C-alpha atoms as a PDB file:
ATOM      1  CA  UNK A   1     122.643 218.169  89.483  1.00  0.00           C
ATOM      2  CA  UNK A   2     120.771 214.648  89.615  1.00  0.00           C
ATOM      3  CA  UNK A   3     123.501 213.700  86.651  1.00  0.00           C
ATOM      4  CA  UNK A   4     126.553 215.051  88.299  1.00  0.00           C
ATOM      5  CA  UNK A   5     125.603 213.165  91.696  1.00  0.00           C
ATOM      6  CA  UNK A   6     125.052 209.950  89.317  1.00  0.00           C
ATOM      7  CA  UNK A   7     128.276 210.713  87.978  1.00  0.00           C
ATOM      8  CA  UNK A   8     130.332 211.204  90.895  1.00  0.00           C
ATOM      9  CA  UNK A   9     128.678 207.818  92.493  1.00  0.00           C
ATOM     10  CA  UNK A  10     129.751 205.994  89.547  1.00  0.00           C
ATOM     11  CA  UNK A  11     133.232 207.524  89.709  1.00  0.00           C
ATOM     12  CA  UNK A  12     133.442 206.750  93.188  1.00  0.00           C
ATOM     13  CA  UNK A  13     132.245 203.085  92.347  1.00  0.00           C
ATOM     14  CA  UNK A  14     135.346 202.956  90.098  1.00  0.00           C
ATOM     15  CA  UNK A  15     137.715 204.567  92.664  1.00  0.00           C
ATOM     16  CA  UNK A  16     136.929 201.764  95.121  1.00  0.00           C
ATOM     17  CA  UNK A  17     136.715 198.921  93.018  1.00  0.00           C
ATOM     18  CA  UNK A  18     139.546 196.762  94.026  1.00  0.00           C
ATOM     19  CA  UNK A  19     139.665 195.160  90.674  1.00  0.00           C
ATOM     20  CA  UNK A  20     141.240 198.071  88.943  1.00  0.00           C
ATOM     21  CA  UNK A  21     144.910 198.633  87.897  1.00  0.00           C
ATOM     22  CA  UNK A  22     147.361 196.559  86.771  1.00  0.00           C
ATOM     23  CA  UNK A  23     147.828 192.676  87.544  1.00  0.00           C
ATOM     24  CA  UNK A  24     151.033 190.646  86.740  1.00  0.00           C
ATOM     25  CA  UNK A  25     151.140 186.765  86.863  1.00  0.00           C
ATOM     26  CA  UNK A  26     153.047 185.224  89.511  1.00  0.00           C
ATOM     27  CA  UNK A  27     153.611 181.992  87.986  1.00  0.00           C
ATOM     28  CA  UNK A  28     155.617 180.748  90.953  1.00  0.00           C
ATOM     29  CA  UNK A  29     152.031 180.969  92.996  1.00  0.00           C
ATOM     30  CA  UNK A  30     150.035 179.132  90.061  1.00  0.00           C
ATOM     31  CA  UNK A  31     148.997 176.239  88.624  1.00  0.00           C
ATOM     32  CA  UNK A  32     147.862 176.820  85.131  1.00  0.00           C
ATOM     33  CA  UNK A  33     146.849 174.092  82.914  1.00  0.00           C
ATOM     34  CA  UNK A  34     149.455 172.422  80.470  1.00  0.00           C
ATOM     35  CA  UNK A  35     149.746 173.044  76.504  1.00  0.00           C
ATOM     36  CA  UNK A  36     147.578 176.319  77.199  1.00  0.00           C
ATOM     37  CA  UNK A  37     148.309 180.068  76.740  1.00  0.00           C
ATOM     38  CA  UNK A  38     148.962 182.547  79.753  1.00  0.00           C
ATOM     39  CA  UNK A  39     147.885 185.961  80.429  1.00  0.00           C
ATOM     40  CA  UNK A  40     150.902 187.698  81.835  1.00  0.00           C
ATOM     41  CA  UNK A  41     149.326 190.827  82.624  1.00  0.00           C
ATOM     42  CA  UNK A  42     145.929 192.203  83.317  1.00  0.00           C
ATOM     43  CA  UNK A  43     144.737 195.906  83.350  1.00  0.00           C
ATOM     44  CA  UNK A  44     141.207 197.056  84.734  1.00  0.00           C
ATOM     45  CA  UNK A  45     140.487 200.946  83.717  1.00  0.00           C
ATOM     46  CA  UNK A  46     137.432 202.697  83.632  1.00  0.00           C
ATOM     47  CA  UNK A  47     136.074 203.831  80.319  1.00  0.00           C
ATOM     48  CA  UNK A  48     133.121 206.118  80.864  1.00  0.00           C
ATOM     49  CA  UNK A  49     130.390 204.009  82.563  1.00  0.00           C
ATOM     50  CA  UNK A  50     132.543 200.901  81.606  1.00  0.00           C
ATOM     51  CA  UNK A  51     135.281 198.964  82.599  1.00  0.00           C
ATOM     52  CA  UNK A  52     138.219 197.933  80.125  1.00  0.00           C
ATOM     53  CA  UNK A  53     140.197 194.851  80.454  1.00  0.00           C
ATOM     54  CA  UNK A  54     143.665 194.570  78.396  1.00  0.00           C
ATOM     55  CA  UNK A  55     145.135 191.117  78.470  1.00  0.00           C
ATOM     56  CA  UNK A  56     148.561 190.523  77.327  1.00  0.00           C
ATOM     57  CA  UNK A  57     149.947 187.298  77.328  1.00  0.00           C
ATOM     58  CA  UNK A  58     151.412 184.050  75.207  1.00  0.00           C
ATOM     59  CA  UNK A  59     149.502 181.480  73.387  1.00  0.00           C
ATOM     60  CA  UNK A  60     150.081 177.685  73.574  1.00  0.00           C
ATOM     61  CA  UNK A  61     153.278 178.282  70.940  1.00  0.00           C
ATOM     62  CA  UNK A  62     154.683 181.262  72.975  1.00  0.00           C
ATOM     63  CA  UNK A  63     153.321 183.598  70.445  1.00  0.00           C
ATOM     64  CA  UNK A  64     152.376 187.450  71.865  1.00  0.00           C
ATOM     65  CA  UNK A  65     148.730 187.621  72.374  1.00  0.00           C
ATOM     66  CA  UNK A  66     146.851 191.014  73.127  1.00  0.00           C
ATOM     67  CA  UNK A  67     143.043 191.694  73.454  1.00  0.00           C
ATOM     68  CA  UNK A  68     140.931 193.741  75.606  1.00  0.00           C
ATOM     69  CA  UNK A  69     137.234 193.882  76.443  1.00  0.00           C
ATOM     70  CA  UNK A  70     135.133 196.351  77.623  1.00  0.00           C
ATOM     71  CA  UNK A  71     131.671 196.245  79.353  1.00  0.00           C
ATOM     72  CA  UNK A  72     130.010 196.001  82.705  1.00  0.00           C
ATOM     73  CA  UNK A  73     130.332 193.744  85.386  1.00  0.00           C
ATOM     74  CA  UNK A  74     126.316 192.805  84.775  1.00  0.00           C
ATOM     75  CA  UNK A  75     126.748 189.294  83.783  1.00  0.00           C
ATOM     76  CA  UNK A  76     125.917 190.298  80.165  1.00  0.00           C
ATOM     77  CA  UNK A  77     127.957 189.441  77.056  1.00  0.00           C
ATOM     78  CA  UNK A  78     130.187 191.769  75.483  1.00  0.00           C
ATOM     79  CA  UNK A  79     132.558 191.457  72.668  1.00  0.00           C
ATOM     80  CA  UNK A  80     136.184 191.198  72.938  1.00  0.00           C
ATOM     81  CA  UNK A  81     139.012 192.139  70.324  1.00  0.00           C
ATOM     82  CA  UNK A  82     142.347 191.276  69.713  1.00  0.00           C
ATOM     83  CA  UNK A  83     143.957 187.652  69.109  1.00  0.00           C
ATOM     84  CA  UNK A  84     142.994 186.026  72.027  1.00  0.00           C
ATOM     85  CA  UNK A  85     141.477 182.214  72.434  1.00  0.00           C
ATOM     86  CA  UNK A  86     137.781 184.285  72.995  1.00  0.00           C
ATOM     87  CA  UNK A  87     136.283 186.904  71.401  1.00  0.00           C
ATOM     88  CA  UNK A  88     133.417 187.689  73.949  1.00  0.00           C
ATOM     89  CA  UNK A  89     132.689 187.479  77.688  1.00  0.00           C
ATOM     90  CA  UNK A  90     130.842 188.229  80.551  1.00  0.00           C
ATOM     91  CA  UNK A  91     131.456 189.434  84.078  1.00  0.00           C
ATOM     92  CA  UNK A  92     129.329 189.110  86.785  1.00  0.00           C
ATOM     93  CA  UNK A  93     129.874 190.542  90.368  1.00  0.00           C
ATOM     94  CA  UNK A  94     129.322 188.278  93.178  1.00  0.00           C
ATOM     95  CA  UNK A  95     131.096 191.205  95.889  1.00  0.00           C
ATOM     96  CA  UNK A  96     132.947 193.354  95.688  1.00  0.00           C
ATOM     97  CA  UNK A  97     136.271 191.545  95.421  1.00  0.00           C
ATOM     98  CA  UNK A  98     134.755 188.823  93.071  1.00  0.00           C
ATOM     99  CA  UNK A  99     133.168 188.488  89.972  1.00  0.00           C
ATOM    100  CA  UNK A 100     132.333 185.042  87.815  1.00  0.00           C
ATOM    101  CA  UNK A 101     133.290 185.446  84.004  1.00  0.00           C
ATOM    102  CA  UNK A 102     132.312 183.386  81.109  1.00  0.00           C
ATOM    103  CA  UNK A 103     134.158 183.713  77.730  1.00  0.00           C
ATOM    104  CA  UNK A 104     132.706 182.645  73.947  1.00  0.00           C
ATOM    105  CA  UNK A 105     134.819 182.064  70.815  1.00  0.00           C
ATOM    106  CA  UNK A 106     132.295 182.736  68.001  1.00  0.00           C
ATOM    107  CA  UNK A 107     128.900 181.605  70.133  1.00  0.00           C
ATOM    108  CA  UNK A 108     130.922 178.695  71.749  1.00  0.00           C
ATOM    109  CA  UNK A 109     131.648 178.667  75.146  1.00  0.00           C
ATOM    110  CA  UNK A 110     135.278 178.585  76.173  1.00  0.00           C
ATOM    111  CA  UNK A 111     135.777 178.400  79.645  1.00  0.00           C
ATOM    112  CA  UNK A 112     134.352 180.290  82.973  1.00  0.00           C
ATOM    113  CA  UNK A 113     135.663 180.651  86.236  1.00  0.00           C
ATOM    114  CA  UNK A 114     135.783 183.055  89.194  1.00  0.00           C
ATOM    115  CA  UNK A 115     138.388 186.039  89.983  1.00  0.00           C
ATOM    116  CA  UNK A 116     138.867 187.142  93.463  1.00  0.00           C
ATOM    117  CA  UNK A 117     140.779 190.094  94.955  1.00  0.00           C
ATOM    118  CA  UNK A 118     142.316 189.437  98.175  1.00  0.00           C
ATOM    119  CA  UNK A 119     141.196 191.544 101.085  1.00  0.00           C
ATOM    120  CA  UNK A 120     144.541 193.200 101.461  1.00  0.00           C
ATOM    121  CA  UNK A 121     144.282 194.469  97.177  1.00  0.00           C
ATOM    122  CA  UNK A 122     147.712 193.157  96.573  1.00  0.00           C
ATOM    123  CA  UNK A 123     146.760 189.712  94.718  1.00  0.00           C
ATOM    124  CA  UNK A 124     144.076 188.277  92.595  1.00  0.00           C
ATOM    125  CA  UNK A 125     143.464 184.418  91.750  1.00  0.00           C
ATOM    126  CA  UNK A 126     141.581 183.220  88.639  1.00  0.00           C
ATOM    127  CA  UNK A 127     140.562 179.839  88.417  1.00  0.00           C
ATOM    128  CA  UNK A 128     138.826 178.904  85.724  1.00  0.00           C
ATOM    129  CA  UNK A 129     137.500 175.537  83.822  1.00  0.00           C
ATOM    130  CA  UNK A 130     136.880 174.932  80.215  1.00  0.00           C
ATOM    131  CA  UNK A 131     137.126 172.530  77.171  1.00  0.00           C
ATOM    132  CA  UNK A 132     139.893 173.028  74.743  1.00  0.00           C
ATOM    133  CA  UNK A 133     139.836 173.021  71.204  1.00  0.00           C
ATOM    134  CA  UNK A 134     140.414 169.200  71.162  1.00  0.00           C
ATOM    135  CA  UNK A 135     137.844 168.761  73.688  1.00  0.00           C
ATOM    136  CA  UNK A 136     139.501 167.769  76.620  1.00  0.00           C
ATOM    137  CA  UNK A 137     138.778 169.781  80.310  1.00  0.00           C
ATOM    138  CA  UNK A 138     141.157 171.546  81.863  1.00  0.00           C
ATOM    139  CA  UNK A 139     141.264 173.364  85.102  1.00  0.00           C
ATOM    140  CA  UNK A 140     143.795 176.232  85.779  1.00  0.00           C
ATOM    141  CA  UNK A 141     144.217 178.563  88.950  1.00  0.00           C
ATOM    142  CA  UNK A 142     146.364 182.132  88.162  1.00  0.00           C
ATOM    143  CA  UNK A 143     147.880 184.139  90.761  1.00  0.00           C
ATOM    144  CA  UNK A 144     148.519 187.674  90.190  1.00  0.00           C
ATOM    145  CA  UNK A 145     150.403 190.314  92.162  1.00  0.00           C
ATOM    146  CA  UNK A 146     149.071 194.010  91.979  1.00  0.00           C
ATOM    147  CA  UNK A 147     152.067 196.092  90.091  1.00  0.00           C
END
């Protein structure tokens, strides 16, 4: 019985999570760092007791990228797979609509930022700061619309 209640509570938590679903990049509202790739579609789905984040986009040369991360919003680092500029990430829940994220490539931090879903649930904003492979600092703001 306790296990069933725990499962139902977890399922209810995922169902109410405003991050879940597919998000499409709105380039007109975004201020992306020059010379960087971009994530054009991001999809959050349940995967047992974890969350899967699938990311599709293009790299700085316009070549397609695809990757995914499976983990929890607990601040711990989980590996990512695919051909993205990072291969592990930690998401930490700030509140129901906001997560902090930090990404790494082979143990070296690539960028960190904040993901916030609007109160109406129709858009999300990702603001990041980092250092590129040449040591140049960058800031980027990507706005996504719920698909």
